[in-house]
Amino acid sequence: MYLTASFQKRGRGTIFMATKSFFAMILAVGAGIGVYQQANDPVRSSNPSDAEREIRAAAAAYAETFSKGDMDAIVGFWTDDADYVDADGQLHRGKTAITDLFKKNAAHCKDHTMTLKVASVKVLKPDVALEEGVATVKCPTGDTESNRYIAIWAKNNGKWQLNTVRDQESIPTKKTDDPLKELAWLVGDWNCESGPMKVDLKCRWLLNKRYLAMEYEVKKPTEEPTQVVVWIGMDPASNELRSWVFDSEGGNAGARWEREGKTWKSHCDGVLCDGRFGASLNTIERVNDDSFVWSSKERRIDGEPDADAEVKFKRTNQPGTDAAKESK
């Protein structure tokens, strides 16, 4: 069942839970619109009519539009007098009500993607078609929400649009087995330059892939290099993703991790080599396969604010070589 529209911390990670009325609609519609399938899907008819082909094309466009997060464009797939009934029987009547539902939840759909599987498409009249199937929405953590649906399409002025969608039962969510594996893309060699400072980073699996080890070397022109080692793994006591940090000057720290989309946040508390206490909110934001941004904000030393920091790392080995081998 779909719950409140927010990111909620659950056990081993951050799981996106969507509103019943909204995600049920997207799933029903997406698949509803989801008359789209791959050409080799066994349930697709071998000789589809022109109407079915047109609906499948509209469905493919809808899924792509949703995955791009273009909610304004999505509402164009609905007729003015459309209605949607969710799994609880709540009716959302008219394009305005459905548009409001999309806009209200647009921010929660960022970086979510849709896949569609069709059970059947029946053309009832030249301008009316009935479609059934299953839609699945995947959130950035890898968790999925799936729903069965029935949808009626109507052709207006040469364009197929959704006129009625009825949500049916949801399908149990498949959750990510191990949040640590979501950081596997970090495996490999990286570096960054920020003014006179240079930082090299090596990330690798350790101890039967129970931990990720990140080894930093920080170089400044007038100082000896500083080494920092970060181990990331699951804490079996709290069932959270945690990290343990040690540096070559004698400082140490610990952090709790959580994920929001393409960003991993760690709330860090520790002790500097001179005995002062430090705290910060550190983030790793994945830009693409070859770069990420590391930042440290809300920094305090013995309760006094310290300047924020941000650097961009670039990969120095190619994805699919050393990183891929270590990720297996």
Protein backbone atom coordinates (compact mmCIF):
# COMPACT_ATOMS: atom_id res chain seq x y z
CA MET A 1 0.00 0.00 0.00
CA TYR A 2 1.19 3.53 -0.71
CA LEU A 3 1.71 5.76 2.32
CA THR A 4 2.46 9.45 2.92
CA ALA A 5 4.23 11.44 0.23
CA SER A 6 7.63 11.88 1.80
CA PHE A 7 11.03 10.30 2.13
CA GLN A 8 10.87 8.12 5.22
CA LYS A 9 13.81 6.46 6.94
CA ARG A 10 13.21 2.77 7.18
CA GLY A 11 15.68 0.30 8.54
CA ARG A 12 18.58 0.00 6.16
CA GLY A 13 17.99 3.01 4.00
CA THR A 14 15.78 5.79 2.75
CA ILE A 15 12.72 4.44 0.97
CA PHE A 16 10.45 6.63 -1.12
CA MET A 17 6.82 6.14 -0.11
CA ALA A 18 4.23 7.89 -2.30
CA THR A 19 0.65 8.96 -1.72
CA LYS A 20 -1.92 6.33 -2.54
CA SER A 21 -3.88 8.62 -4.79
CA PHE A 22 -0.87 9.99 -6.65
CA PHE A 23 1.44 7.07 -7.25
CA ALA A 24 -1.43 4.69 -7.70
CA MET A 25 -2.60 7.03 -10.43
CA ILE A 26 0.83 7.23 -12.02
CA LEU A 27 1.19 3.47 -11.93
CA ALA A 28 -2.27 2.85 -13.21
CA VAL A 29 -1.99 5.55 -15.79
CA GLY A 30 1.55 4.90 -16.69
CA ALA A 31 0.75 1.41 -17.44
CA GLY A 32 -2.66 2.52 -18.39
CA ILE A 33 -0.98 4.64 -20.75
CA GLY A 34 1.24 1.84 -20.49
CA VAL A 35 -0.11 0.07 -23.38
CA TYR A 36 3.50 0.24 -24.36
CA GLN A 37 5.72 -2.88 -24.38
CA GLN A 38 8.85 -4.11 -26.00
CA ALA A 39 8.34 -5.52 -29.49
CA ASN A 40 9.23 -9.00 -28.32
CA ASP A 41 6.75 -9.06 -25.42
CA PRO A 42 4.73 -12.30 -25.83
CA VAL A 43 1.42 -10.66 -24.86
CA ARG A 44 1.58 -8.15 -27.67
CA SER A 45 -0.56 -9.06 -30.66
CA SER A 46 1.35 -9.99 -33.81
CA ASN A 47 -0.89 -7.82 -36.04
CA PRO A 48 -1.92 -4.77 -34.04
CA SER A 49 -4.43 -2.38 -35.53
CA ASP A 50 -3.55 1.19 -36.40
CA ALA A 51 -5.39 2.33 -33.28
CA GLU A 52 -3.39 0.00 -31.06
CA ARG A 53 -0.12 1.14 -32.58
CA GLU A 54 -1.09 4.77 -32.00
CA ILE A 55 -1.95 4.06 -28.36
CA ARG A 56 1.33 2.23 -27.84
CA ALA A 57 3.18 5.19 -29.31
CA ALA A 58 1.32 7.54 -26.93
CA ALA A 59 2.18 5.21 -24.06
CA ALA A 60 5.88 5.24 -24.92
CA ALA A 61 5.80 9.04 -25.02
CA TYR A 62 4.05 9.16 -21.65
CA ALA A 63 6.59 6.89 -19.94
CA GLU A 64 9.46 8.95 -21.34
CA THR A 65 7.78 12.19 -20.23
CA PHE A 66 7.26 10.89 -16.71
CA SER A 67 10.88 9.71 -16.43
CA LYS A 68 12.00 13.20 -17.42
CA GLY A 69 9.85 14.66 -14.65
CA ASP A 70 7.84 16.87 -17.02
CA MET A 71 4.56 16.96 -15.11
CA ASP A 72 3.20 19.86 -17.14
CA ALA A 73 3.49 17.78 -20.31
CA ILE A 74 1.99 14.70 -18.66
CA VAL A 75 -1.38 16.35 -18.00
CA GLY A 76 -1.75 16.77 -21.76
CA PHE A 77 -2.30 13.02 -21.98
CA TRP A 78 -5.67 13.38 -20.19
CA THR A 79 -9.03 14.44 -21.64
CA ASP A 80 -10.76 17.46 -20.10
CA ASP A 81 -13.48 15.26 -18.56
CA ALA A 82 -11.12 12.49 -17.41
CA ASP A 83 -11.51 10.76 -14.08
CA TYR A 84 -9.32 8.57 -11.91
CA VAL A 85 -10.35 6.23 -9.08
CA ASP A 86 -7.59 5.09 -6.72
CA ALA A 87 -7.32 1.80 -4.82
CA ASP A 88 -9.33 3.24 -1.91
CA GLY A 89 -12.17 4.20 -4.20
CA GLN A 90 -11.47 7.94 -4.07
CA LEU A 91 -12.57 9.73 -7.22
CA HIS A 92 -10.56 12.52 -8.85
CA ARG A 93 -12.87 14.00 -11.45
CA GLY A 94 -11.79 16.31 -14.25
CA LYS A 95 -8.47 17.39 -15.71
CA THR A 96 -8.09 20.20 -13.18
CA ALA A 97 -8.26 17.84 -10.20
CA ILE A 98 -5.82 15.42 -11.83
CA THR A 99 -3.45 18.26 -12.74
CA ASP A 100 -3.46 19.47 -9.14
CA LEU A 101 -2.60 15.96 -7.99
CA PHE A 102 0.41 15.82 -10.31
CA LYS A 103 1.72 19.27 -9.41
CA LYS A 104 1.34 18.64 -5.69
CA ASN A 105 3.60 15.59 -5.92
CA ALA A 106 5.95 16.66 -8.72
CA ALA A 107 8.93 17.22 -6.42
CA HIS A 108 8.66 13.69 -5.03
CA CYS A 109 8.92 12.17 -8.51
CA LYS A 110 12.29 13.66 -9.34
CA ASP A 111 14.69 11.03 -10.75
CA HIS A 112 11.98 8.33 -10.74
CA THR A 113 11.56 6.20 -13.85
CA MET A 114 8.64 4.22 -15.22
CA THR A 115 8.49 0.84 -16.95
CA LEU A 116 5.31 -0.57 -18.47
CA LYS A 117 4.00 -4.04 -19.23
CA VAL A 118 0.71 -4.54 -21.05
CA ALA A 119 -1.62 -7.48 -20.60
CA SER A 120 -4.08 -6.50 -23.33
CA VAL A 121 -5.33 -3.71 -25.57
CA LYS A 122 -8.86 -3.95 -27.00
CA VAL A 123 -10.12 -1.42 -29.53
CA LEU A 124 -13.85 -1.18 -28.73
CA LYS A 125 -14.70 1.52 -31.29
CA PRO A 126 -12.60 3.51 -33.75
CA ASP A 127 -12.18 6.20 -31.09
CA VAL A 128 -12.32 4.13 -27.85
CA ALA A 129 -9.91 1.48 -26.50
CA LEU A 130 -9.61 -0.55 -23.28
CA GLU A 131 -6.18 -1.38 -21.88
CA GLU A 132 -5.00 -3.49 -18.91
CA GLY A 133 -1.55 -4.10 -17.50
CA VAL A 134 1.05 -3.42 -14.81
CA ALA A 135 3.18 -0.33 -14.33
CA THR A 136 6.31 -0.09 -12.19
CA VAL A 137 7.91 3.10 -10.90
CA LYS A 138 11.53 2.88 -9.75
CA CYS A 139 12.91 5.41 -7.30
CA PRO A 140 16.58 6.48 -7.14
CA THR A 141 17.39 4.02 -4.33
CA GLY A 142 16.42 1.10 -6.58
CA ASP A 143 13.17 0.38 -4.73
CA THR A 144 10.06 -0.10 -6.87
CA GLU A 145 6.29 0.34 -6.63
CA SER A 146 4.03 -1.63 -8.98
CA ASN A 147 0.31 -1.50 -9.64
CA ARG A 148 -2.31 -3.17 -11.82
CA TYR A 149 -4.75 -0.95 -13.69
CA ILE A 150 -7.56 -0.66 -16.21
CA ALA A 151 -7.61 2.35 -18.53
CA ILE A 152 -9.93 3.67 -21.23
CA TRP A 153 -8.47 5.74 -24.04
CA ALA A 154 -10.47 8.16 -26.17
CA LYS A 155 -9.44 9.71 -29.48
CA ASN A 156 -10.06 13.46 -29.70
CA ASN A 157 -9.11 15.47 -32.77
CA GLY A 158 -6.81 12.72 -33.94
CA LYS A 159 -5.05 12.32 -30.56
CA TRP A 160 -5.41 9.41 -28.12
CA GLN A 161 -5.88 10.54 -24.52
CA LEU A 162 -6.72 8.94 -21.18
CA ASN A 163 -10.36 9.29 -20.29
CA THR A 164 -10.79 6.88 -17.37
CA VAL A 165 -8.31 5.05 -15.14
CA ARG A 166 -9.22 2.56 -12.41
CA ASP A 167 -6.53 1.51 -9.98
CA GLN A 168 -6.46 -2.12 -8.89
CA GLU A 169 -4.33 -4.01 -6.39
CA SER A 170 -0.73 -3.03 -5.76
CA ILE A 171 2.10 -5.52 -6.16
CA PRO A 172 4.56 -5.98 -3.24
CA THR A 173 7.53 -3.64 -3.42
CA LYS A 174 10.94 -4.99 -4.27
CA LYS A 175 13.46 -3.25 -2.04
CA THR A 176 17.18 -2.79 -2.43
CA ASP A 177 18.96 -5.64 -0.64
CA ASP A 178 22.02 -3.71 0.49
CA PRO A 179 22.34 0.10 0.64
CA LEU A 180 26.13 -0.26 0.59
CA LYS A 181 25.94 -1.63 -2.95
CA GLU A 182 24.36 1.65 -4.03
CA LEU A 183 27.81 3.20 -3.53
CA ALA A 184 29.58 0.64 -5.75
CA TRP A 185 29.99 3.31 -8.43
CA LEU A 186 32.63 4.93 -6.20
CA VAL A 187 35.04 2.02 -6.64
CA GLY A 188 38.09 3.22 -8.55
CA ASP A 189 40.58 6.10 -8.58
CA TRP A 190 39.67 9.81 -8.38
CA ASN A 191 41.32 13.17 -7.92
CA CYS A 192 40.50 16.84 -7.53
CA GLU A 193 42.29 20.19 -7.45
CA SER A 194 41.09 23.16 -5.45
CA GLY A 195 43.53 26.05 -5.71
CA PRO A 196 46.93 24.87 -4.43
CA MET A 197 45.40 21.78 -2.78
CA LYS A 198 45.33 18.43 -4.57
CA VAL A 199 43.46 15.36 -3.38
CA ASP A 200 43.84 11.78 -4.63
CA LEU A 201 41.19 9.20 -3.72
CA LYS A 202 41.19 5.44 -4.06
CA CYS A 203 38.00 3.50 -3.28
CA ARG A 204 37.87 -0.31 -3.02
CA TRP A 205 35.94 -3.19 -1.50
CA LEU A 206 37.26 -4.89 1.65
CA LEU A 207 36.45 -7.95 3.76
CA ASN A 208 34.12 -9.89 1.47
CA LYS A 209 32.56 -6.62 0.27
CA ARG A 210 31.19 -5.87 3.71
CA TYR A 211 32.95 -2.50 3.62
CA LEU A 212 33.97 0.20 1.17
CA ALA A 213 37.34 1.77 1.97
CA MET A 214 38.00 5.31 0.76
CA GLU A 215 41.65 6.40 1.05
CA TYR A 216 42.33 10.11 0.57
CA GLU A 217 45.72 11.82 0.26
CA VAL A 218 45.57 15.60 0.67
CA LYS A 219 48.56 17.53 -0.70
CA LYS A 220 49.40 21.20 -0.03
CA PRO A 221 52.55 22.97 -1.29
CA THR A 222 54.02 23.88 2.10
CA GLU A 223 52.81 20.94 4.19
CA GLU A 224 53.33 17.22 4.48
CA PRO A 225 50.58 15.19 2.79
CA THR A 226 47.70 14.14 5.04
CA GLN A 227 46.08 10.73 4.70
CA VAL A 228 42.44 10.09 5.56
CA VAL A 229 40.85 6.64 5.61
CA VAL A 230 37.06 6.16 5.59
CA TRP A 231 35.42 2.77 6.03
CA ILE A 232 31.73 2.54 5.11
CA GLY A 233 29.52 -0.40 6.07
CA MET A 234 26.31 -1.54 7.69
CA ASP A 235 26.04 -1.23 11.47
CA PRO A 236 24.20 -4.41 12.58
CA ALA A 237 23.18 -2.82 15.89
CA SER A 238 21.35 0.18 14.40
CA ASN A 239 20.72 -1.34 10.95
CA GLU A 240 22.09 1.89 9.42
CA LEU A 241 24.77 2.69 6.90
CA ARG A 242 27.67 4.16 8.87
CA SER A 243 31.26 5.25 8.34
CA TRP A 244 34.38 5.40 10.49
CA VAL A 245 37.01 8.03 9.71
CA PHE A 246 40.71 8.17 10.70
CA ASP A 247 43.41 10.62 9.65
CA SER A 248 47.21 10.54 9.75
CA GLU A 249 47.33 13.37 12.31
CA GLY A 250 45.39 11.36 14.89
CA GLY A 251 41.85 12.63 14.39
CA ASN A 252 38.86 10.31 14.13
CA ALA A 253 35.12 10.53 13.52
CA GLY A 254 31.96 8.56 12.86
CA ALA A 255 28.96 9.27 10.66
CA ARG A 256 25.45 8.06 9.85
CA TRP A 257 24.51 7.92 6.15
CA GLU A 258 21.27 8.32 4.25
CA ARG A 259 20.40 8.74 0.60
CA GLU A 260 18.21 11.31 -1.14
CA GLY A 261 18.11 10.75 -4.89
CA LYS A 262 21.63 11.09 -6.29
CA THR A 263 23.00 12.52 -3.05
CA TRP A 264 24.36 10.65 -0.03
CA LYS A 265 24.45 12.58 3.25
CA SER A 266 26.56 11.77 6.30
CA HIS A 267 26.10 13.42 9.69
CA CYS A 268 29.62 13.41 11.09
CA ASP A 269 30.88 13.89 14.67
CA GLY A 270 34.49 13.49 15.74
CA VAL A 271 37.65 14.64 17.50
CA LEU A 272 40.53 16.57 15.96
CA CYS A 273 44.14 15.66 16.68
CA ASP A 274 44.38 18.51 19.25
CA GLY A 275 41.37 17.25 21.20
CA ARG A 276 38.80 19.72 19.91
CA PHE A 277 35.38 18.38 18.91
CA GLY A 278 34.08 18.77 15.36
CA ALA A 279 30.80 18.19 13.57
CA SER A 280 29.60 18.61 9.97
CA LEU A 281 27.05 17.57 7.39
CA ASN A 282 28.96 16.00 4.49
CA THR A 283 27.45 15.06 1.14
CA ILE A 284 28.50 13.12 -1.94
CA GLU A 285 26.48 14.07 -5.01
CA ARG A 286 26.89 11.85 -8.04
CA VAL A 287 27.09 13.96 -11.20
CA ASN A 288 27.73 11.09 -13.63
CA ASP A 289 29.89 7.95 -13.90
CA ASP A 290 33.05 10.05 -14.01
CA SER A 291 32.50 12.80 -11.46
CA PHE A 292 30.96 13.63 -8.09
CA VAL A 293 30.83 16.65 -5.79
CA TRP A 294 31.91 16.35 -2.16
CA SER A 295 30.78 19.09 0.20
CA SER A 296 30.94 19.78 3.92
CA LYS A 297 28.50 22.22 5.52
CA GLU A 298 27.20 23.17 8.96
CA ARG A 299 30.78 22.74 10.14
CA ARG A 300 31.58 23.48 13.78
CA ILE A 301 34.73 23.14 15.89
CA ASP A 302 34.09 23.21 19.64
CA GLY A 303 30.72 24.76 18.87
CA GLU A 304 32.13 27.62 16.76
CA PRO A 305 31.13 27.81 13.06
CA ASP A 306 33.74 26.96 10.44
CA ALA A 307 33.79 27.70 6.71
CA ASP A 308 31.95 25.40 4.29
CA ALA A 309 33.96 23.37 1.79
CA GLU A 310 33.17 21.90 -1.63
CA VAL A 311 35.30 20.11 -4.24
CA LYS A 312 34.59 18.16 -7.42
CA PHE A 313 36.26 14.79 -7.99
CA LYS A 314 36.95 13.33 -11.42
CA ARG A 315 37.61 9.68 -12.19
CA THR A 316 41.13 8.83 -13.31
CA ASN A 317 40.42 5.24 -14.37
CA GLN A 318 37.72 4.32 -16.85
CA PRO A 319 34.38 2.84 -15.68
CA GLY A 320 34.14 -0.75 -16.77
CA THR A 321 37.81 -1.46 -16.01
CA ASP A 322 39.15 -1.53 -12.45
CA ALA A 323 35.93 -0.23 -10.92
CA ALA A 324 33.80 -2.80 -12.70
CA LYS A 325 36.06 -5.65 -11.68
CA GLU A 326 35.94 -4.64 -8.02
CA SER A 327 32.16 -4.15 -8.12
CA LYS A 328 31.50 -7.76 -9.13
